[in-house]
Amino acid sequence: MNALLHDVRSSWPADAADGEAMVLLLHGFGSSERDLAGLADALGLIVPWASLRAPLPMGNGGNAWFEIVTPGDPDPDPLAAATDSVWAWVEAHVDPDTRIVPIGFSQGGLMASQLLRTRPERVLAPVVLGGFVARGTQPGDDILAATRPHVFWGRGAEDRVIGAAAIARTTAFLPAHSTLRERVYPGLAHGINSAEVADVRHFLIEHVGTRAVNIR
């Protein structure tokens, strides 16, 4: 698996994010780094951001963070390898003092939760959109249970892609390991709508700061 992932990104001074925070956009299964890049404008991001391409080519122009064997229940080893690949990208491109704000959709939402659960000290205000958390334990889970960082979890009420078992697992895990802002959107299937974007904007303003998002 290629550790240094392809990306599209905002302009960074000296090709690096050296501020207090930067946003990392993580796409879903079978998509690409350009899929979530449009969220940067929709959210009004004014902090540095990057949208990463997942490391596993799918043969249709899209990529995945790992193969789906059992939907909603990824195998631990491929998940760990994908998580390591994101951290390798961060270490290569982002100042060590800069905290990561991961925003992921679907499989990318799982990856956002993985970043929080593996290096909680490096992550700020993660956003999980139409995603879930993996089974089992991760190195940072005890720290999360003690510190309860702010997490946004949004999903569609009509989402039939993420199964009930994955939703139940996430419903049990996040309230015990975070200060959770959970939103369920009536009529929304497996996607992101304008109401969710607005809620994420408010969440980022509140927990990352007014210097992160343009106030309009």
N, C-alpha and C. Protein backbone atom coordinates (compact mmCIF):
# COMPACT_ATOMS: atom_id res chain seq x y z
N MET A 1 0.85 -1.19 0.00
CA MET A 1 0.00 0.00 0.00
C MET A 1 0.89 1.24 0.00
N ASN A 2 0.62 2.18 -0.91
CA ASN A 2 1.44 3.39 -1.02
C ASN A 2 1.23 4.27 0.20
N ALA A 3 2.32 4.54 0.93
CA ALA A 3 2.19 5.30 2.17
C ALA A 3 1.99 6.79 1.92
N LEU A 4 2.57 7.32 0.85
CA LEU A 4 2.45 8.75 0.56
C LEU A 4 1.33 8.94 -0.46
N LEU A 5 0.19 9.36 0.02
CA LEU A 5 -1.02 9.37 -0.79
C LEU A 5 -1.06 10.60 -1.69
N HIS A 6 -1.77 10.47 -2.82
CA HIS A 6 -2.03 11.61 -3.68
C HIS A 6 -3.05 12.52 -3.02
N ASP A 7 -3.01 13.81 -3.40
CA ASP A 7 -3.92 14.74 -2.76
C ASP A 7 -4.21 15.93 -3.67
N VAL A 8 -5.27 16.64 -3.36
CA VAL A 8 -5.47 18.02 -3.80
C VAL A 8 -5.55 18.84 -2.54
N ARG A 9 -5.06 20.09 -2.60
CA ARG A 9 -4.98 20.85 -1.36
C ARG A 9 -5.07 22.35 -1.62
N SER A 10 -5.32 23.07 -0.56
CA SER A 10 -5.27 24.53 -0.62
C SER A 10 -3.81 24.97 -0.66
N SER A 11 -3.60 26.25 -0.86
CA SER A 11 -2.23 26.78 -0.85
C SER A 11 -1.70 26.80 0.57
N TRP A 12 -0.54 26.20 0.76
CA TRP A 12 0.08 26.16 2.07
C TRP A 12 1.41 26.91 2.03
N PRO A 13 1.69 27.74 3.03
CA PRO A 13 3.00 28.38 3.08
C PRO A 13 4.11 27.33 3.14
N ALA A 14 5.09 27.48 2.27
CA ALA A 14 6.25 26.57 2.25
C ALA A 14 5.82 25.11 2.12
N ASP A 15 4.67 24.88 1.43
CA ASP A 15 4.18 23.53 1.17
C ASP A 15 3.91 22.76 2.46
N ALA A 16 3.52 23.47 3.50
CA ALA A 16 3.23 22.78 4.76
C ALA A 16 2.20 23.57 5.55
N ALA A 17 1.39 22.84 6.31
CA ALA A 17 0.45 23.47 7.23
C ALA A 17 1.16 23.67 8.56
N ASP A 18 1.37 24.93 8.96
CA ASP A 18 2.11 25.18 10.19
C ASP A 18 1.30 26.01 11.17
N GLY A 19 -0.01 26.02 11.01
CA GLY A 19 -0.85 26.74 11.94
C GLY A 19 -1.35 25.84 13.04
N GLU A 20 -2.40 26.29 13.74
CA GLU A 20 -2.94 25.52 14.85
C GLU A 20 -3.69 24.29 14.38
N ALA A 21 -4.32 24.36 13.18
CA ALA A 21 -5.13 23.24 12.69
C ALA A 21 -5.17 23.24 11.18
N MET A 22 -5.40 22.06 10.60
CA MET A 22 -5.68 21.93 9.18
C MET A 22 -6.71 20.83 9.01
N VAL A 23 -7.50 20.96 7.93
CA VAL A 23 -8.59 20.01 7.66
C VAL A 23 -8.11 18.95 6.70
N LEU A 24 -8.45 17.71 6.99
CA LEU A 24 -8.13 16.57 6.13
C LEU A 24 -9.44 15.96 5.66
N LEU A 25 -9.68 15.99 4.34
CA LEU A 25 -10.91 15.46 3.75
C LEU A 25 -10.66 14.05 3.24
N LEU A 26 -11.53 13.11 3.63
CA LEU A 26 -11.33 11.69 3.36
C LEU A 26 -12.57 11.14 2.67
N HIS A 27 -12.42 10.75 1.40
CA HIS A 27 -13.57 10.35 0.58
C HIS A 27 -14.05 8.95 0.90
N GLY A 28 -15.17 8.59 0.30
CA GLY A 28 -15.77 7.28 0.51
C GLY A 28 -15.29 6.24 -0.49
N PHE A 29 -15.81 5.03 -0.34
CA PHE A 29 -15.43 3.88 -1.16
C PHE A 29 -15.72 4.14 -2.64
N GLY A 30 -14.72 3.90 -3.49
CA GLY A 30 -14.89 4.02 -4.94
C GLY A 30 -14.86 5.43 -5.47
N SER A 31 -14.43 6.38 -4.66
CA SER A 31 -14.38 7.77 -5.09
C SER A 31 -12.93 8.21 -5.22
N SER A 32 -12.67 9.52 -5.14
CA SER A 32 -11.31 10.03 -5.32
C SER A 32 -11.12 11.28 -4.48
N GLU A 33 -9.90 11.80 -4.50
CA GLU A 33 -9.57 12.98 -3.72
C GLU A 33 -10.35 14.22 -4.15
N ARG A 34 -10.89 14.21 -5.36
CA ARG A 34 -11.65 15.38 -5.83
C ARG A 34 -13.10 15.37 -5.34
N ASP A 35 -13.54 14.26 -4.81
CA ASP A 35 -14.95 14.13 -4.41
C ASP A 35 -15.32 15.09 -3.29
N LEU A 36 -14.53 15.11 -2.22
CA LEU A 36 -14.86 15.96 -1.08
C LEU A 36 -14.19 17.33 -1.13
N ALA A 37 -13.36 17.58 -2.14
CA ALA A 37 -12.68 18.88 -2.21
C ALA A 37 -13.69 20.02 -2.28
N GLY A 38 -14.85 19.76 -2.88
CA GLY A 38 -15.87 20.80 -2.96
C GLY A 38 -16.42 21.22 -1.61
N LEU A 39 -16.25 20.38 -0.60
CA LEU A 39 -16.69 20.75 0.74
C LEU A 39 -15.91 21.93 1.29
N ALA A 40 -14.68 22.12 0.81
CA ALA A 40 -13.87 23.24 1.32
C ALA A 40 -14.58 24.57 1.08
N ASP A 41 -15.12 24.76 -0.12
CA ASP A 41 -15.86 25.99 -0.41
C ASP A 41 -17.21 26.00 0.30
N ALA A 42 -17.90 24.86 0.29
CA ALA A 42 -19.22 24.80 0.92
C ALA A 42 -19.14 25.12 2.41
N LEU A 43 -18.07 24.68 3.06
CA LEU A 43 -17.89 24.95 4.48
C LEU A 43 -17.25 26.30 4.75
N GLY A 44 -16.71 26.93 3.71
CA GLY A 44 -16.04 28.21 3.89
C GLY A 44 -14.72 28.10 4.62
N LEU A 45 -13.97 27.01 4.36
CA LEU A 45 -12.72 26.80 5.08
C LEU A 45 -11.70 27.88 4.76
N ILE A 46 -11.08 28.42 5.79
CA ILE A 46 -9.98 29.37 5.59
C ILE A 46 -8.70 28.87 6.24
N VAL A 47 -8.75 27.71 6.88
CA VAL A 47 -7.53 27.05 7.32
C VAL A 47 -7.01 26.20 6.16
N PRO A 48 -5.74 25.83 6.17
CA PRO A 48 -5.25 24.91 5.14
C PRO A 48 -6.04 23.61 5.16
N TRP A 49 -6.24 23.05 3.96
CA TRP A 49 -6.94 21.77 3.88
C TRP A 49 -6.31 20.91 2.79
N ALA A 50 -6.51 19.63 2.91
CA ALA A 50 -6.08 18.69 1.88
C ALA A 50 -7.12 17.59 1.77
N SER A 51 -7.35 17.14 0.55
CA SER A 51 -8.25 16.02 0.29
C SER A 51 -7.40 14.88 -0.26
N LEU A 52 -7.42 13.75 0.41
CA LEU A 52 -6.53 12.64 0.07
C LEU A 52 -7.22 11.60 -0.80
N ARG A 53 -6.43 10.99 -1.69
CA ARG A 53 -6.90 9.84 -2.46
C ARG A 53 -6.55 8.56 -1.71
N ALA A 54 -7.54 7.72 -1.48
CA ALA A 54 -7.30 6.46 -0.79
C ALA A 54 -6.31 5.59 -1.58
N PRO A 55 -5.60 4.70 -0.93
CA PRO A 55 -4.48 4.01 -1.57
C PRO A 55 -4.83 2.82 -2.45
N LEU A 56 -6.07 2.33 -2.40
CA LEU A 56 -6.39 1.10 -3.10
C LEU A 56 -7.18 1.40 -4.38
N PRO A 57 -6.58 1.24 -5.59
CA PRO A 57 -7.31 1.49 -6.84
C PRO A 57 -8.41 0.46 -7.04
N MET A 58 -9.57 0.95 -7.52
CA MET A 58 -10.71 0.06 -7.72
C MET A 58 -10.89 -0.34 -9.19
N GLY A 59 -10.09 0.24 -10.10
CA GLY A 59 -10.18 -0.13 -11.50
C GLY A 59 -11.25 0.61 -12.27
N ASN A 60 -11.97 1.50 -11.63
CA ASN A 60 -13.01 2.28 -12.31
C ASN A 60 -12.77 3.78 -12.18
N GLY A 61 -11.52 4.13 -11.89
CA GLY A 61 -11.18 5.52 -11.67
C GLY A 61 -11.34 5.96 -10.24
N GLY A 62 -11.89 5.10 -9.39
CA GLY A 62 -12.06 5.41 -7.98
C GLY A 62 -11.12 4.59 -7.12
N ASN A 63 -11.08 4.94 -5.86
CA ASN A 63 -10.19 4.28 -4.90
C ASN A 63 -10.94 3.95 -3.62
N ALA A 64 -10.31 3.10 -2.80
CA ALA A 64 -10.89 2.73 -1.51
C ALA A 64 -9.78 2.71 -0.47
N TRP A 65 -10.17 2.87 0.78
CA TRP A 65 -9.21 2.78 1.87
C TRP A 65 -8.87 1.33 2.17
N PHE A 66 -9.82 0.43 1.88
CA PHE A 66 -9.60 -1.01 2.03
C PHE A 66 -10.75 -1.71 1.32
N GLU A 67 -10.57 -2.97 1.00
CA GLU A 67 -11.63 -3.75 0.37
C GLU A 67 -12.75 -4.02 1.37
N ILE A 68 -13.97 -4.07 0.84
CA ILE A 68 -15.11 -4.43 1.67
C ILE A 68 -15.34 -5.93 1.57
N VAL A 69 -15.16 -6.62 2.69
CA VAL A 69 -15.42 -8.05 2.77
C VAL A 69 -16.76 -8.27 3.47
N THR A 70 -16.85 -7.75 4.68
CA THR A 70 -18.11 -7.75 5.42
C THR A 70 -18.53 -6.30 5.60
N PRO A 71 -19.59 -5.86 4.94
CA PRO A 71 -19.98 -4.45 5.04
C PRO A 71 -20.16 -4.00 6.49
N GLY A 72 -19.57 -2.86 6.81
CA GLY A 72 -19.69 -2.31 8.15
C GLY A 72 -18.80 -2.96 9.18
N ASP A 73 -17.96 -3.92 8.76
CA ASP A 73 -17.10 -4.63 9.71
C ASP A 73 -15.76 -4.94 9.04
N PRO A 74 -14.91 -3.92 8.85
CA PRO A 74 -13.66 -4.13 8.11
C PRO A 74 -12.68 -5.02 8.85
N ASP A 75 -11.90 -5.76 8.07
CA ASP A 75 -10.84 -6.57 8.65
C ASP A 75 -9.80 -5.66 9.32
N PRO A 76 -9.31 -6.00 10.50
CA PRO A 76 -8.42 -5.10 11.24
C PRO A 76 -7.11 -4.78 10.52
N ASP A 77 -6.48 -5.75 9.87
CA ASP A 77 -5.17 -5.49 9.27
C ASP A 77 -5.23 -4.49 8.12
N PRO A 78 -6.13 -4.66 7.13
CA PRO A 78 -6.22 -3.63 6.08
C PRO A 78 -6.62 -2.26 6.62
N LEU A 79 -7.46 -2.23 7.62
CA LEU A 79 -7.85 -0.96 8.23
C LEU A 79 -6.66 -0.29 8.89
N ALA A 80 -5.85 -1.07 9.59
CA ALA A 80 -4.65 -0.51 10.22
C ALA A 80 -3.67 0.00 9.18
N ALA A 81 -3.52 -0.74 8.07
CA ALA A 81 -2.61 -0.29 7.01
C ALA A 81 -3.09 1.02 6.40
N ALA A 82 -4.40 1.14 6.17
CA ALA A 82 -4.94 2.38 5.62
C ALA A 82 -4.73 3.54 6.59
N THR A 83 -4.95 3.28 7.86
CA THR A 83 -4.75 4.32 8.87
C THR A 83 -3.29 4.75 8.90
N ASP A 84 -2.38 3.81 8.84
CA ASP A 84 -0.95 4.13 8.82
C ASP A 84 -0.59 4.96 7.61
N SER A 85 -1.24 4.69 6.47
CA SER A 85 -0.92 5.45 5.26
C SER A 85 -1.32 6.91 5.41
N VAL A 86 -2.42 7.17 6.08
CA VAL A 86 -2.82 8.56 6.31
C VAL A 86 -1.85 9.25 7.26
N TRP A 87 -1.47 8.58 8.32
CA TRP A 87 -0.52 9.19 9.25
C TRP A 87 0.84 9.41 8.58
N ALA A 88 1.23 8.53 7.68
CA ALA A 88 2.49 8.74 6.95
C ALA A 88 2.40 10.00 6.10
N TRP A 89 1.25 10.24 5.47
CA TRP A 89 1.05 11.47 4.68
C TRP A 89 1.14 12.68 5.60
N VAL A 90 0.47 12.61 6.75
CA VAL A 90 0.48 13.74 7.68
C VAL A 90 1.91 14.03 8.13
N GLU A 91 2.66 13.01 8.48
CA GLU A 91 4.03 13.21 8.95
C GLU A 91 4.91 13.83 7.86
N ALA A 92 4.62 13.51 6.60
CA ALA A 92 5.42 14.03 5.50
C ALA A 92 5.07 15.47 5.13
N HIS A 93 3.85 15.91 5.44
CA HIS A 93 3.37 17.19 4.91
C HIS A 93 2.94 18.21 5.94
N VAL A 94 2.71 17.82 7.18
CA VAL A 94 2.09 18.71 8.15
C VAL A 94 3.01 18.92 9.34
N ASP A 95 3.11 20.17 9.78
CA ASP A 95 3.94 20.50 10.92
C ASP A 95 3.52 19.69 12.15
N PRO A 96 4.47 19.20 12.94
CA PRO A 96 4.12 18.35 14.08
C PRO A 96 3.23 19.03 15.11
N ASP A 97 3.25 20.37 15.17
CA ASP A 97 2.44 21.08 16.15
C ASP A 97 1.04 21.40 15.64
N THR A 98 0.75 21.06 14.38
CA THR A 98 -0.56 21.34 13.80
C THR A 98 -1.50 20.17 14.06
N ARG A 99 -2.68 20.46 14.56
CA ARG A 99 -3.66 19.40 14.81
C ARG A 99 -4.51 19.18 13.55
N ILE A 100 -4.90 17.94 13.36
CA ILE A 100 -5.65 17.51 12.19
C ILE A 100 -7.15 17.52 12.51
N VAL A 101 -7.92 18.11 11.60
CA VAL A 101 -9.38 18.08 11.70
C VAL A 101 -9.89 17.18 10.57
N PRO A 102 -10.08 15.90 10.82
CA PRO A 102 -10.50 14.99 9.75
C PRO A 102 -12.01 15.09 9.50
N ILE A 103 -12.38 15.22 8.23
CA ILE A 103 -13.78 15.21 7.81
C ILE A 103 -13.91 14.12 6.77
N GLY A 104 -14.64 13.05 7.10
CA GLY A 104 -14.73 11.91 6.20
C GLY A 104 -16.16 11.51 5.93
N PHE A 105 -16.37 11.00 4.72
CA PHE A 105 -17.69 10.51 4.33
C PHE A 105 -17.64 8.99 4.12
N SER A 106 -18.61 8.27 4.69
CA SER A 106 -18.78 6.83 4.50
C SER A 106 -17.52 6.10 4.96
N GLN A 107 -16.83 5.38 4.07
CA GLN A 107 -15.60 4.72 4.47
C GLN A 107 -14.58 5.75 4.97
N GLY A 108 -14.60 6.94 4.39
CA GLY A 108 -13.75 8.02 4.88
C GLY A 108 -14.15 8.50 6.26
N GLY A 109 -15.45 8.39 6.61
CA GLY A 109 -15.88 8.71 7.95
C GLY A 109 -15.30 7.75 8.96
N LEU A 110 -15.27 6.47 8.60
CA LEU A 110 -14.58 5.48 9.44
C LEU A 110 -13.12 5.87 9.62
N MET A 111 -12.47 6.30 8.53
CA MET A 111 -11.07 6.68 8.63
C MET A 111 -10.88 7.89 9.55
N ALA A 112 -11.82 8.84 9.51
CA ALA A 112 -11.74 9.98 10.44
C ALA A 112 -11.78 9.49 11.88
N SER A 113 -12.64 8.53 12.17
CA SER A 113 -12.70 7.99 13.52
C SER A 113 -11.43 7.22 13.87
N GLN A 114 -10.83 6.56 12.88
CA GLN A 114 -9.58 5.84 13.13
C GLN A 114 -8.44 6.79 13.50
N LEU A 115 -8.37 7.92 12.84
CA LEU A 115 -7.33 8.89 13.19
C LEU A 115 -7.50 9.32 14.64
N LEU A 116 -8.73 9.60 15.04
CA LEU A 116 -8.99 9.99 16.42
C LEU A 116 -8.61 8.88 17.39
N ARG A 117 -8.93 7.64 17.05
CA ARG A 117 -8.74 6.53 17.98
C ARG A 117 -7.29 6.05 18.05
N THR A 118 -6.47 6.41 17.05
CA THR A 118 -5.08 5.98 17.06
C THR A 118 -4.13 7.05 17.59
N ARG A 119 -4.41 8.33 17.31
CA ARG A 119 -3.56 9.40 17.83
C ARG A 119 -4.45 10.56 18.30
N PRO A 120 -5.15 10.38 19.39
CA PRO A 120 -6.12 11.40 19.81
C PRO A 120 -5.49 12.76 20.12
N GLU A 121 -4.22 12.75 20.52
CA GLU A 121 -3.56 14.02 20.84
C GLU A 121 -3.33 14.88 19.60
N ARG A 122 -3.37 14.26 18.42
CA ARG A 122 -3.08 14.98 17.17
C ARG A 122 -4.35 15.44 16.46
N VAL A 123 -5.52 15.01 16.95
CA VAL A 123 -6.78 15.21 16.23
C VAL A 123 -7.66 16.19 16.99
N LEU A 124 -8.32 17.06 16.21
CA LEU A 124 -9.23 18.06 16.77
C LEU A 124 -10.57 17.98 16.05
N ALA A 125 -11.66 17.87 16.80
CA ALA A 125 -13.03 18.02 16.30
C ALA A 125 -13.30 17.21 15.02
N PRO A 126 -13.13 15.90 15.04
CA PRO A 126 -13.37 15.10 13.83
C PRO A 126 -14.85 15.09 13.44
N VAL A 127 -15.08 14.93 12.13
CA VAL A 127 -16.43 14.93 11.57
C VAL A 127 -16.64 13.64 10.80
N VAL A 128 -17.63 12.86 11.21
CA VAL A 128 -17.95 11.58 10.57
C VAL A 128 -19.31 11.74 9.88
N LEU A 129 -19.31 11.64 8.55
CA LEU A 129 -20.51 11.84 7.75
C LEU A 129 -20.90 10.51 7.10
N GLY A 130 -22.04 9.97 7.46
CA GLY A 130 -22.48 8.71 6.88
C GLY A 130 -21.51 7.58 7.13
N GLY A 131 -20.81 7.63 8.26
CA GLY A 131 -19.80 6.62 8.56
C GLY A 131 -20.08 5.92 9.88
N PHE A 132 -19.03 5.26 10.39
CA PHE A 132 -19.19 4.43 11.58
C PHE A 132 -17.82 4.20 12.19
N VAL A 133 -17.78 3.51 13.33
CA VAL A 133 -16.51 3.14 13.94
C VAL A 133 -16.29 1.63 13.80
N ALA A 134 -15.03 1.25 13.82
CA ALA A 134 -14.68 -0.17 13.68
C ALA A 134 -14.85 -0.89 15.01
N ARG A 135 -15.02 -2.20 14.93
CA ARG A 135 -15.08 -3.03 16.13
C ARG A 135 -13.68 -3.13 16.75
N GLY A 136 -13.67 -3.62 17.97
CA GLY A 136 -12.39 -3.82 18.64
C GLY A 136 -11.89 -2.54 19.28
N THR A 137 -10.68 -2.64 19.83
CA THR A 137 -10.08 -1.50 20.51
C THR A 137 -8.96 -0.91 19.68
N GLN A 138 -8.69 0.38 19.93
CA GLN A 138 -7.61 1.11 19.28
C GLN A 138 -6.75 1.75 20.36
N PRO A 139 -5.50 2.14 20.03
CA PRO A 139 -4.57 2.59 21.06
C PRO A 139 -5.05 3.79 21.88
N GLY A 140 -5.87 4.65 21.28
CA GLY A 140 -6.28 5.86 22.00
C GLY A 140 -7.61 5.78 22.70
N ASP A 141 -8.25 4.63 22.71
CA ASP A 141 -9.62 4.55 23.23
C ASP A 141 -9.71 4.93 24.71
N ASP A 142 -8.75 4.50 25.52
CA ASP A 142 -8.79 4.85 26.94
C ASP A 142 -8.64 6.36 27.14
N ILE A 143 -7.78 6.97 26.34
CA ILE A 143 -7.60 8.42 26.43
C ILE A 143 -8.91 9.13 26.06
N LEU A 144 -9.56 8.65 25.02
CA LEU A 144 -10.82 9.26 24.59
C LEU A 144 -11.89 9.13 25.66
N ALA A 145 -11.96 7.98 26.32
CA ALA A 145 -12.95 7.79 27.37
C ALA A 145 -12.74 8.77 28.52
N ALA A 146 -11.49 9.18 28.74
CA ALA A 146 -11.18 10.12 29.82
C ALA A 146 -11.36 11.57 29.40
N THR A 147 -11.02 11.89 28.15
CA THR A 147 -11.00 13.29 27.73
C THR A 147 -12.26 13.74 26.99
N ARG A 148 -12.99 12.82 26.38
CA ARG A 148 -14.25 13.10 25.68
C ARG A 148 -14.14 14.27 24.70
N PRO A 149 -13.32 14.17 23.65
CA PRO A 149 -13.20 15.26 22.68
C PRO A 149 -14.50 15.44 21.88
N HIS A 150 -14.66 16.62 21.30
CA HIS A 150 -15.85 16.91 20.51
C HIS A 150 -15.80 16.16 19.18
N VAL A 151 -16.91 15.49 18.85
CA VAL A 151 -17.04 14.73 17.61
C VAL A 151 -18.41 15.04 17.01
N PHE A 152 -18.44 15.22 15.69
CA PHE A 152 -19.70 15.37 14.95
C PHE A 152 -19.95 14.08 14.19
N TRP A 153 -21.16 13.53 14.36
CA TRP A 153 -21.57 12.33 13.61
C TRP A 153 -22.93 12.62 12.98
N GLY A 154 -22.95 12.72 11.66
CA GLY A 154 -24.19 12.97 10.94
C GLY A 154 -24.47 11.85 9.95
N ARG A 155 -25.75 11.54 9.77
CA ARG A 155 -26.12 10.49 8.83
C ARG A 155 -27.57 10.68 8.39
N GLY A 156 -27.90 10.07 7.26
CA GLY A 156 -29.25 10.16 6.74
C GLY A 156 -30.18 9.14 7.39
N ALA A 157 -31.39 9.57 7.66
CA ALA A 157 -32.38 8.65 8.24
C ALA A 157 -32.73 7.52 7.27
N GLU A 158 -32.53 7.76 5.96
CA GLU A 158 -32.86 6.76 4.95
C GLU A 158 -31.62 6.06 4.39
N ASP A 159 -30.51 6.17 5.09
CA ASP A 159 -29.27 5.53 4.64
C ASP A 159 -29.40 4.01 4.78
N ARG A 160 -29.31 3.30 3.65
CA ARG A 160 -29.37 1.84 3.66
C ARG A 160 -28.02 1.21 3.31
N VAL A 161 -26.97 2.05 3.20
CA VAL A 161 -25.64 1.54 2.88
C VAL A 161 -24.91 1.09 4.14
N ILE A 162 -24.96 1.90 5.17
CA ILE A 162 -24.33 1.55 6.44
C ILE A 162 -25.32 0.72 7.25
N GLY A 163 -24.96 -0.52 7.55
CA GLY A 163 -25.88 -1.47 8.16
C GLY A 163 -26.19 -1.16 9.62
N ALA A 164 -27.24 -1.81 10.11
CA ALA A 164 -27.73 -1.57 11.47
C ALA A 164 -26.68 -1.93 12.51
N ALA A 165 -25.90 -3.00 12.28
CA ALA A 165 -24.90 -3.40 13.26
C ALA A 165 -23.81 -2.34 13.42
N ALA A 166 -23.39 -1.75 12.29
CA ALA A 166 -22.37 -0.70 12.35
C ALA A 166 -22.91 0.55 13.04
N ILE A 167 -24.17 0.88 12.78
CA ILE A 167 -24.78 2.03 13.44
C ILE A 167 -24.90 1.78 14.95
N ALA A 168 -25.32 0.57 15.32
CA ALA A 168 -25.46 0.24 16.74
C ALA A 168 -24.10 0.31 17.45
N ARG A 169 -23.07 -0.19 16.79
CA ARG A 169 -21.73 -0.15 17.38
C ARG A 169 -21.28 1.29 17.60
N THR A 170 -21.52 2.14 16.62
CA THR A 170 -21.13 3.54 16.71
C THR A 170 -21.95 4.27 17.76
N THR A 171 -23.24 3.95 17.82
CA THR A 171 -24.12 4.55 18.82
C THR A 171 -23.67 4.22 20.24
N ALA A 172 -23.10 3.04 20.42
CA ALA A 172 -22.58 2.65 21.73
C ALA A 172 -21.23 3.29 22.02
N PHE A 173 -20.36 3.36 21.00
CA PHE A 173 -18.98 3.80 21.22
C PHE A 173 -18.86 5.31 21.41
N LEU A 174 -19.43 6.10 20.53
CA LEU A 174 -19.14 7.54 20.53
C LEU A 174 -19.60 8.26 21.80
N PRO A 175 -20.78 8.00 22.32
CA PRO A 175 -21.14 8.71 23.56
C PRO A 175 -20.24 8.38 24.74
N ALA A 176 -19.63 7.21 24.72
CA ALA A 176 -18.74 6.81 25.82
C ALA A 176 -17.31 7.28 25.62
N HIS A 177 -16.98 7.78 24.43
CA HIS A 177 -15.61 8.16 24.13
C HIS A 177 -15.49 9.57 23.54
N SER A 178 -16.54 10.34 23.58
CA SER A 178 -16.49 11.69 23.02
C SER A 178 -17.60 12.54 23.61
N THR A 179 -17.48 13.84 23.36
CA THR A 179 -18.60 14.75 23.56
C THR A 179 -19.26 14.85 22.20
N LEU A 180 -20.33 14.10 22.03
CA LEU A 180 -20.87 13.82 20.70
C LEU A 180 -21.96 14.81 20.32
N ARG A 181 -21.85 15.30 19.08
CA ARG A 181 -22.97 16.00 18.45
C ARG A 181 -23.48 15.11 17.33
N GLU A 182 -24.58 14.47 17.55
CA GLU A 182 -25.15 13.53 16.59
C GLU A 182 -26.35 14.17 15.91
N ARG A 183 -26.39 14.03 14.58
CA ARG A 183 -27.51 14.54 13.81
C ARG A 183 -27.97 13.47 12.82
N VAL A 184 -29.28 13.25 12.76
CA VAL A 184 -29.89 12.33 11.80
C VAL A 184 -30.84 13.15 10.95
N TYR A 185 -30.68 13.09 9.61
CA TYR A 185 -31.38 13.98 8.69
C TYR A 185 -32.53 13.26 8.00
N PRO A 186 -33.77 13.68 8.27
CA PRO A 186 -34.93 13.04 7.64
C PRO A 186 -34.86 13.14 6.12
N GLY A 187 -35.19 12.05 5.45
CA GLY A 187 -35.24 12.04 4.00
C GLY A 187 -33.91 11.87 3.31
N LEU A 188 -32.81 11.95 4.05
CA LEU A 188 -31.48 11.82 3.45
C LEU A 188 -31.07 10.37 3.40
N ALA A 189 -30.59 9.91 2.24
CA ALA A 189 -30.05 8.55 2.09
C ALA A 189 -28.55 8.59 2.38
N HIS A 190 -27.75 7.89 1.59
CA HIS A 190 -26.30 7.84 1.82
C HIS A 190 -25.66 9.01 1.08
N GLY A 191 -25.66 10.15 1.70
CA GLY A 191 -25.14 11.35 1.07
C GLY A 191 -24.99 12.46 2.09
N ILE A 192 -24.76 13.67 1.57
CA ILE A 192 -24.58 14.87 2.39
C ILE A 192 -25.51 15.93 1.84
N ASN A 193 -26.31 16.57 2.69
CA ASN A 193 -27.20 17.62 2.19
C ASN A 193 -26.82 18.97 2.79
N SER A 194 -27.52 20.01 2.38
CA SER A 194 -27.17 21.37 2.79
C SER A 194 -27.35 21.57 4.29
N ALA A 195 -28.35 20.92 4.88
CA ALA A 195 -28.55 21.05 6.32
C ALA A 195 -27.35 20.48 7.08
N GLU A 196 -26.81 19.37 6.60
CA GLU A 196 -25.66 18.76 7.26
C GLU A 196 -24.42 19.65 7.10
N VAL A 197 -24.23 20.21 5.92
CA VAL A 197 -23.10 21.12 5.70
C VAL A 197 -23.19 22.30 6.67
N ALA A 198 -24.39 22.86 6.82
CA ALA A 198 -24.57 23.99 7.74
C ALA A 198 -24.24 23.58 9.17
N ASP A 199 -24.67 22.39 9.58
CA ASP A 199 -24.38 21.92 10.93
C ASP A 199 -22.88 21.70 11.14
N VAL A 200 -22.20 21.18 10.12
CA VAL A 200 -20.75 20.98 10.23
C VAL A 200 -20.04 22.34 10.34
N ARG A 201 -20.48 23.32 9.57
CA ARG A 201 -19.90 24.67 9.66
C ARG A 201 -19.99 25.18 11.09
N HIS A 202 -21.16 25.09 11.68
CA HIS A 202 -21.34 25.58 13.05
C HIS A 202 -20.46 24.81 14.03
N PHE A 203 -20.36 23.51 13.82
CA PHE A 203 -19.52 22.67 14.68
C PHE A 203 -18.06 23.11 14.58
N LEU A 204 -17.57 23.36 13.37
CA LEU A 204 -16.17 23.78 13.20
C LEU A 204 -15.93 25.16 13.80
N ILE A 205 -16.87 26.07 13.61
CA ILE A 205 -16.72 27.40 14.20
C ILE A 205 -16.62 27.29 15.72
N GLU A 206 -17.45 26.44 16.29
CA GLU A 206 -17.51 26.31 17.74
C GLU A 206 -16.28 25.62 18.31
N HIS A 207 -15.76 24.61 17.62
CA HIS A 207 -14.74 23.76 18.22
C HIS A 207 -13.36 23.85 17.57
N VAL A 208 -13.27 24.46 16.40
CA VAL A 208 -11.96 24.74 15.80
C VAL A 208 -11.67 26.24 15.88
N GLY A 209 -12.73 27.06 15.70
CA GLY A 209 -12.57 28.50 15.89
C GLY A 209 -12.98 29.31 14.68
N THR A 210 -13.21 30.58 14.90
CA THR A 210 -13.66 31.47 13.82
C THR A 210 -12.56 31.69 12.78
N ARG A 211 -11.31 31.42 13.13
CA ARG A 211 -10.24 31.54 12.15
C ARG A 211 -10.18 30.34 11.21
N ALA A 212 -10.99 29.33 11.47
CA ALA A 212 -11.00 28.13 10.63
C ALA A 212 -12.00 28.23 9.50
N VAL A 213 -13.10 28.93 9.74
CA VAL A 213 -14.22 28.97 8.78
C VAL A 213 -14.63 30.41 8.58
N ASN A 214 -14.84 30.76 7.33
CA ASN A 214 -15.29 32.11 7.00
C ASN A 214 -16.69 32.34 7.55
N ILE A 215 -16.89 33.39 8.34
CA ILE A 215 -18.20 33.74 8.88
C ILE A 215 -18.92 34.60 7.86
N ARG A 216 -20.02 34.08 7.34
CA ARG A 216 -20.71 34.83 6.29
C ARG A 216 -22.19 34.90 6.58
